[in-house]
Amino acid sequence: MFFPGPWALGERVTALPLARIVSGAGQGFKPPVNGLSASHLVCVASMSDDLGGAAVVTDADVALVLAAYAAYGQGDIDGAVRDLHPDVEWIEPDEFPNGGAHHGQAAVAAYLRASYASWRTFVSEPTAHRRADRIVIVHHVHGVLADGTPQEATVADVFTVENGQVTRMIAYADPAVALA
């Protein structure tokens, strides 16, 4: 789902506000939980109006999901999983690092921590699409992996939100499949 990275000691944190979700550049930004700082952190979120343009986010469930991406991008894994149902079903493609099924908040948090640790720097650009009762996030990321290898990918994550909690997330390596 998420593609962030660990922060090197002494690097400066730079963050952009989430478009149309969090206002005020840098306001409310918290450094990663472990006290490290980051460079080259950018998380720009938006919602598509499905006509090719941006739309104002008025959907509480979409805002909840995009806020999780923002928390994760700041290294706040606890914040990223805060709105997951205790019995959440989280499925990543087997070909993804640490892919497969993860059940429950603790298992998802462990998965996200491992994913987070695989990046040195990254740019995260999630775009939300509402598809009936599903929220599809097309997530474009690029940056440098922990081993120094440049990486770029666009994937899709499909969320089901019930009563203010994510109950299911299925990731797809091909965004077209998720948007179909």
C-alpha atoms as a PDB file:
ATOM      1  CA  MET A   1       0.000   0.000   0.000  1.00  0.00           C
ATOM      2  CA  PHE A   2       2.391   2.680   1.178  1.00  0.00           C
ATOM      3  CA  PHE A   3       5.886   3.328  -0.124  1.00  0.00           C
ATOM      4  CA  PRO A   4       7.696   5.609   2.336  1.00  0.00           C
ATOM      5  CA  GLY A   5      11.175   5.353   3.677  1.00  0.00           C
ATOM      6  CA  PRO A   6      13.396   5.629   6.691  1.00  0.00           C
ATOM      7  CA  TRP A   7      14.965   8.942   7.481  1.00  0.00           C
ATOM      8  CA  ALA A   8      18.703   9.461   7.830  1.00  0.00           C
ATOM      9  CA  LEU A   9      19.851  11.137  11.021  1.00  0.00           C
ATOM     10  CA  GLY A  10      20.278  14.863  10.725  1.00  0.00           C
ATOM     11  CA  GLU A  11      18.298  15.312   7.515  1.00  0.00           C
ATOM     12  CA  ARG A  12      15.848  18.183   7.388  1.00  0.00           C
ATOM     13  CA  VAL A  13      12.111  17.463   7.239  1.00  0.00           C
ATOM     14  CA  THR A  14      10.199  19.039   4.383  1.00  0.00           C
ATOM     15  CA  ALA A  15       6.478  18.479   3.999  1.00  0.00           C
ATOM     16  CA  LEU A  16       3.787  19.832   1.736  1.00  0.00           C
ATOM     17  CA  PRO A  17       0.203  20.089   2.942  1.00  0.00           C
ATOM     18  CA  LEU A  18      -2.300  17.591   1.644  1.00  0.00           C
ATOM     19  CA  ALA A  19      -4.137  19.293  -1.165  1.00  0.00           C
ATOM     20  CA  ARG A  20      -7.704  20.139  -0.171  1.00  0.00           C
ATOM     21  CA  ILE A  21      -7.475  18.136   3.046  1.00  0.00           C
ATOM     22  CA  VAL A  22      -5.019  19.779   5.415  1.00  0.00           C
ATOM     23  CA  SER A  23      -4.534  23.492   5.030  1.00  0.00           C
ATOM     24  CA  GLY A  24      -1.478  25.511   5.957  1.00  0.00           C
ATOM     25  CA  ALA A  25       1.956  24.556   4.675  1.00  0.00           C
ATOM     26  CA  GLY A  26       3.807  22.774   7.422  1.00  0.00           C
ATOM     27  CA  GLN A  27       1.158  23.408  10.079  1.00  0.00           C
ATOM     28  CA  GLY A  28       0.623  20.423  12.287  1.00  0.00           C
ATOM     29  CA  PHE A  29       3.540  18.505  10.804  1.00  0.00           C
ATOM     30  CA  LYS A  30       5.092  16.056  13.239  1.00  0.00           C
ATOM     31  CA  PRO A  31       8.478  14.454  12.635  1.00  0.00           C
ATOM     32  CA  PRO A  32       8.591  10.679  12.355  1.00  0.00           C
ATOM     33  CA  VAL A  33       7.718   8.776  15.513  1.00  0.00           C
ATOM     34  CA  ASN A  34      11.271   7.546  16.034  1.00  0.00           C
ATOM     35  CA  GLY A  35      12.548  11.123  16.268  1.00  0.00           C
ATOM     36  CA  LEU A  36      14.467  10.984  13.018  1.00  0.00           C
ATOM     37  CA  SER A  37      13.946  13.604  10.359  1.00  0.00           C
ATOM     38  CA  ALA A  38      13.536  13.370   6.597  1.00  0.00           C
ATOM     39  CA  SER A  39      14.622  14.924   3.351  1.00  0.00           C
ATOM     40  CA  HIS A  40      12.745  14.859   0.091  1.00  0.00           C
ATOM     41  CA  LEU A  41       9.440  13.977   1.762  1.00  0.00           C
ATOM     42  CA  VAL A  42       6.499  15.055  -0.311  1.00  0.00           C
ATOM     43  CA  CYS A  43       2.972  13.798   0.072  1.00  0.00           C
ATOM     44  CA  VAL A  44       0.420  15.461  -2.165  1.00  0.00           C
ATOM     45  CA  ALA A  45      -3.053  13.977  -2.065  1.00  0.00           C
ATOM     46  CA  SER A  46      -6.009  14.748  -4.223  1.00  0.00           C
ATOM     47  CA  MET A  47      -9.330  13.390  -5.300  1.00  0.00           C
ATOM     48  CA  SER A  48     -10.270  12.953  -8.922  1.00  0.00           C
ATOM     49  CA  ASP A  49     -13.646  14.087 -10.140  1.00  0.00           C
ATOM     50  CA  ASP A  50     -13.418  11.249 -12.705  1.00  0.00           C
ATOM     51  CA  LEU A  51     -13.578  13.861 -15.454  1.00  0.00           C
ATOM     52  CA  GLY A  52      -9.849  14.475 -15.336  1.00  0.00           C
ATOM     53  CA  GLY A  53      -9.870  17.316 -12.841  1.00  0.00           C
ATOM     54  CA  ALA A  54      -9.329  17.694  -9.139  1.00  0.00           C
ATOM     55  CA  ALA A  55     -12.297  17.747  -6.799  1.00  0.00           C
ATOM     56  CA  VAL A  56     -12.746  19.103  -3.297  1.00  0.00           C
ATOM     57  CA  VAL A  57     -12.800  16.257  -0.781  1.00  0.00           C
ATOM     58  CA  THR A  58     -16.160  16.271   0.985  1.00  0.00           C
ATOM     59  CA  ASP A  59     -16.377  12.527   1.573  1.00  0.00           C
ATOM     60  CA  ALA A  60     -15.423  11.687   5.178  1.00  0.00           C
ATOM     61  CA  ASP A  61     -14.354   8.142   4.251  1.00  0.00           C
ATOM     62  CA  VAL A  62     -12.049   9.405   1.495  1.00  0.00           C
ATOM     63  CA  ALA A  63     -10.600  12.004   3.861  1.00  0.00           C
ATOM     64  CA  LEU A  64     -10.018   9.262   6.464  1.00  0.00           C
ATOM     65  CA  VAL A  65      -8.087   7.118   3.957  1.00  0.00           C
ATOM     66  CA  LEU A  66      -6.026  10.026   2.625  1.00  0.00           C
ATOM     67  CA  ALA A  67      -5.210  11.081   6.202  1.00  0.00           C
ATOM     68  CA  ALA A  68      -3.753   7.603   6.758  1.00  0.00           C
ATOM     69  CA  TYR A  69      -1.430   8.137   3.784  1.00  0.00           C
ATOM     70  CA  ALA A  70      -0.361  11.476   5.278  1.00  0.00           C
ATOM     71  CA  ALA A  71       0.321   9.916   8.682  1.00  0.00           C
ATOM     72  CA  TYR A  72       2.336   7.134   7.105  1.00  0.00           C
ATOM     73  CA  GLY A  73       4.309   9.634   5.039  1.00  0.00           C
ATOM     74  CA  GLN A  74       5.301  11.342   8.281  1.00  0.00           C
ATOM     75  CA  GLY A  75       6.463   8.065   9.794  1.00  0.00           C
ATOM     76  CA  ASP A  76       3.433   7.887  12.069  1.00  0.00           C
ATOM     77  CA  ILE A  77       2.527   4.207  11.694  1.00  0.00           C
ATOM     78  CA  ASP A  78       0.208   4.325  14.706  1.00  0.00           C
ATOM     79  CA  GLY A  79      -1.657   7.196  13.047  1.00  0.00           C
ATOM     80  CA  ALA A  80      -1.766   5.312   9.748  1.00  0.00           C
ATOM     81  CA  VAL A  81      -3.500   2.320  11.353  1.00  0.00           C
ATOM     82  CA  ARG A  82      -5.607   4.286  13.856  1.00  0.00           C
ATOM     83  CA  ASP A  83      -8.779   4.017  11.768  1.00  0.00           C
ATOM     84  CA  LEU A  84      -8.404   0.355  10.839  1.00  0.00           C
ATOM     85  CA  HIS A  85     -10.992  -2.052  12.190  1.00  0.00           C
ATOM     86  CA  PRO A  86      -9.395  -4.397  14.761  1.00  0.00           C
ATOM     87  CA  ASP A  87     -10.065  -7.317  12.389  1.00  0.00           C
ATOM     88  CA  VAL A  88      -9.082  -5.524   9.169  1.00  0.00           C
ATOM     89  CA  GLU A  89      -8.245  -7.686   6.157  1.00  0.00           C
ATOM     90  CA  TRP A  90      -5.212  -6.254   4.307  1.00  0.00           C
ATOM     91  CA  ILE A  91      -4.082  -7.958   1.105  1.00  0.00           C
ATOM     92  CA  GLU A  92      -0.949  -7.042  -0.834  1.00  0.00           C
ATOM     93  CA  PRO A  93       0.113  -8.789  -4.055  1.00  0.00           C
ATOM     94  CA  ASP A  94       2.445 -11.700  -3.380  1.00  0.00           C
ATOM     95  CA  GLU A  95       5.062 -10.099  -5.624  1.00  0.00           C
ATOM     96  CA  PHE A  96       5.260  -7.034  -3.340  1.00  0.00           C
ATOM     97  CA  PRO A  97       7.942  -7.128  -0.634  1.00  0.00           C
ATOM     98  CA  ASN A  98       6.330  -8.758   2.424  1.00  0.00           C
ATOM     99  CA  GLY A  99       3.193  -9.241   0.303  1.00  0.00           C
ATOM    100  CA  GLY A 100       0.289 -11.499   1.099  1.00  0.00           C
ATOM    101  CA  ALA A 101      -2.603 -11.281   3.534  1.00  0.00           C
ATOM    102  CA  HIS A 102      -2.300  -9.446   6.838  1.00  0.00           C
ATOM    103  CA  HIS A 103      -5.125  -9.650   9.372  1.00  0.00           C
ATOM    104  CA  GLY A 104      -5.671  -7.213  12.222  1.00  0.00           C
ATOM    105  CA  GLN A 105      -4.209  -3.829  13.152  1.00  0.00           C
ATOM    106  CA  ALA A 106      -1.000  -5.231  14.645  1.00  0.00           C
ATOM    107  CA  ALA A 107      -0.208  -7.301  11.543  1.00  0.00           C
ATOM    108  CA  VAL A 108      -0.865  -4.331   9.241  1.00  0.00           C
ATOM    109  CA  ALA A 109       1.273  -2.052  11.430  1.00  0.00           C
ATOM    110  CA  ALA A 110       4.142  -4.579  11.220  1.00  0.00           C
ATOM    111  CA  TYR A 111       3.763  -4.738   7.438  1.00  0.00           C
ATOM    112  CA  LEU A 112       3.748  -0.942   7.148  1.00  0.00           C
ATOM    113  CA  ARG A 113       6.824  -0.596   9.382  1.00  0.00           C
ATOM    114  CA  ALA A 114       8.720  -3.049   7.164  1.00  0.00           C
ATOM    115  CA  SER A 115       7.582  -1.213   4.026  1.00  0.00           C
ATOM    116  CA  TYR A 116       8.554   2.119   5.544  1.00  0.00           C
ATOM    117  CA  ALA A 117      12.026   0.848   6.380  1.00  0.00           C
ATOM    118  CA  SER A 118      12.660  -0.087   2.753  1.00  0.00           C
ATOM    119  CA  TRP A 119      12.908   3.557   1.593  1.00  0.00           C
ATOM    120  CA  ARG A 120      15.565   6.201   2.153  1.00  0.00           C
ATOM    121  CA  THR A 121      13.595   9.018   0.476  1.00  0.00           C
ATOM    122  CA  PHE A 122      10.360   9.121  -1.441  1.00  0.00           C
ATOM    123  CA  VAL A 123       7.608  11.212  -2.958  1.00  0.00           C
ATOM    124  CA  SER A 124       4.067   9.963  -2.366  1.00  0.00           C
ATOM    125  CA  GLU A 125       1.203  11.097  -4.603  1.00  0.00           C
ATOM    126  CA  PRO A 126      -2.081   9.358  -3.723  1.00  0.00           C
ATOM    127  CA  THR A 127      -5.180  10.240  -5.756  1.00  0.00           C
ATOM    128  CA  ALA A 128      -8.584   9.087  -4.522  1.00  0.00           C
ATOM    129  CA  HIS A 129     -11.410   7.849  -6.731  1.00  0.00           C
ATOM    130  CA  ARG A 130     -14.821   7.011  -5.260  1.00  0.00           C
ATOM    131  CA  ARG A 131     -16.302   3.878  -6.843  1.00  0.00           C
ATOM    132  CA  ALA A 132     -19.689   3.262  -5.162  1.00  0.00           C
ATOM    133  CA  ASP A 133     -18.835   1.747  -1.771  1.00  0.00           C
ATOM    134  CA  ARG A 134     -15.112   1.453  -2.599  1.00  0.00           C
ATOM    135  CA  ILE A 135     -12.369   4.037  -2.356  1.00  0.00           C
ATOM    136  CA  VAL A 136      -9.643   3.474  -4.926  1.00  0.00           C
ATOM    137  CA  ILE A 137      -6.325   5.178  -4.282  1.00  0.00           C
ATOM    138  CA  VAL A 138      -4.005   5.370  -7.269  1.00  0.00           C
ATOM    139  CA  HIS A 139      -0.662   5.791  -5.574  1.00  0.00           C
ATOM    140  CA  HIS A 140       2.347   7.068  -7.507  1.00  0.00           C
ATOM    141  CA  VAL A 141       5.623   6.928  -5.602  1.00  0.00           C
ATOM    142  CA  HIS A 142       9.208   7.540  -6.491  1.00  0.00           C
ATOM    143  CA  GLY A 143      12.390   7.878  -4.526  1.00  0.00           C
ATOM    144  CA  VAL A 144      15.453   6.008  -3.376  1.00  0.00           C
ATOM    145  CA  LEU A 145      15.332   2.645  -1.635  1.00  0.00           C
ATOM    146  CA  ALA A 146      17.350   2.041   1.528  1.00  0.00           C
ATOM    147  CA  ASP A 147      20.070   0.343  -0.546  1.00  0.00           C
ATOM    148  CA  GLY A 148      20.440   3.430  -2.769  1.00  0.00           C
ATOM    149  CA  THR A 149      18.479   2.105  -5.763  1.00  0.00           C
ATOM    150  CA  PRO A 150      16.124   4.607  -7.434  1.00  0.00           C
ATOM    151  CA  GLN A 151      12.554   3.307  -7.579  1.00  0.00           C
ATOM    152  CA  GLU A 152       9.296   4.464  -9.150  1.00  0.00           C
ATOM    153  CA  ALA A 153       5.913   2.751  -9.153  1.00  0.00           C
ATOM    154  CA  THR A 154       2.221   3.412  -9.565  1.00  0.00           C
ATOM    155  CA  VAL A 155      -0.100   0.984  -7.804  1.00  0.00           C
ATOM    156  CA  ALA A 156      -3.683   1.049  -6.570  1.00  0.00           C
ATOM    157  CA  ASP A 157      -5.212   0.309  -3.191  1.00  0.00           C
ATOM    158  CA  VAL A 158      -8.934  -0.410  -2.839  1.00  0.00           C
ATOM    159  CA  PHE A 159     -10.466   0.356   0.545  1.00  0.00           C
ATOM    160  CA  THR A 160     -13.751  -0.586   2.148  1.00  0.00           C
ATOM    161  CA  VAL A 161     -14.743   1.729   5.001  1.00  0.00           C
ATOM    162  CA  GLU A 162     -17.617   0.890   7.338  1.00  0.00           C
ATOM    163  CA  ASN A 163     -18.726   3.058  10.249  1.00  0.00           C
ATOM    164  CA  GLY A 164     -15.577   5.159  10.110  1.00  0.00           C
ATOM    165  CA  GLN A 165     -13.142   2.230  10.041  1.00  0.00           C
ATOM    166  CA  VAL A 166     -11.242   0.535   7.223  1.00  0.00           C
ATOM    167  CA  THR A 167     -12.413  -3.066   7.176  1.00  0.00           C
ATOM    168  CA  ARG A 168     -10.589  -4.208   4.043  1.00  0.00           C
ATOM    169  CA  MET A 169      -7.803  -3.110   1.717  1.00  0.00           C
ATOM    170  CA  ILE A 170      -6.709  -4.914  -1.423  1.00  0.00           C
ATOM    171  CA  ALA A 171      -3.659  -3.634  -3.318  1.00  0.00           C
ATOM    172  CA  TYR A 172      -3.155  -4.043  -7.054  1.00  0.00           C
ATOM    173  CA  ALA A 173       0.078  -3.753  -9.008  1.00  0.00           C
ATOM    174  CA  ASP A 174      -1.987  -2.546 -11.990  1.00  0.00           C
ATOM    175  CA  PRO A 175      -4.174   0.494 -11.225  1.00  0.00           C
ATOM    176  CA  ALA A 176      -6.382  -0.210 -14.279  1.00  0.00           C
ATOM    177  CA  VAL A 177      -7.565  -3.447 -12.673  1.00  0.00           C
ATOM    178  CA  ALA A 178      -8.555  -1.623  -9.465  1.00  0.00           C
ATOM    179  CA  LEU A 179     -10.368   1.126 -11.338  1.00  0.00           C
ATOM    180  CA  ALA A 180     -12.358  -1.263 -13.548  1.00  0.00           C
END
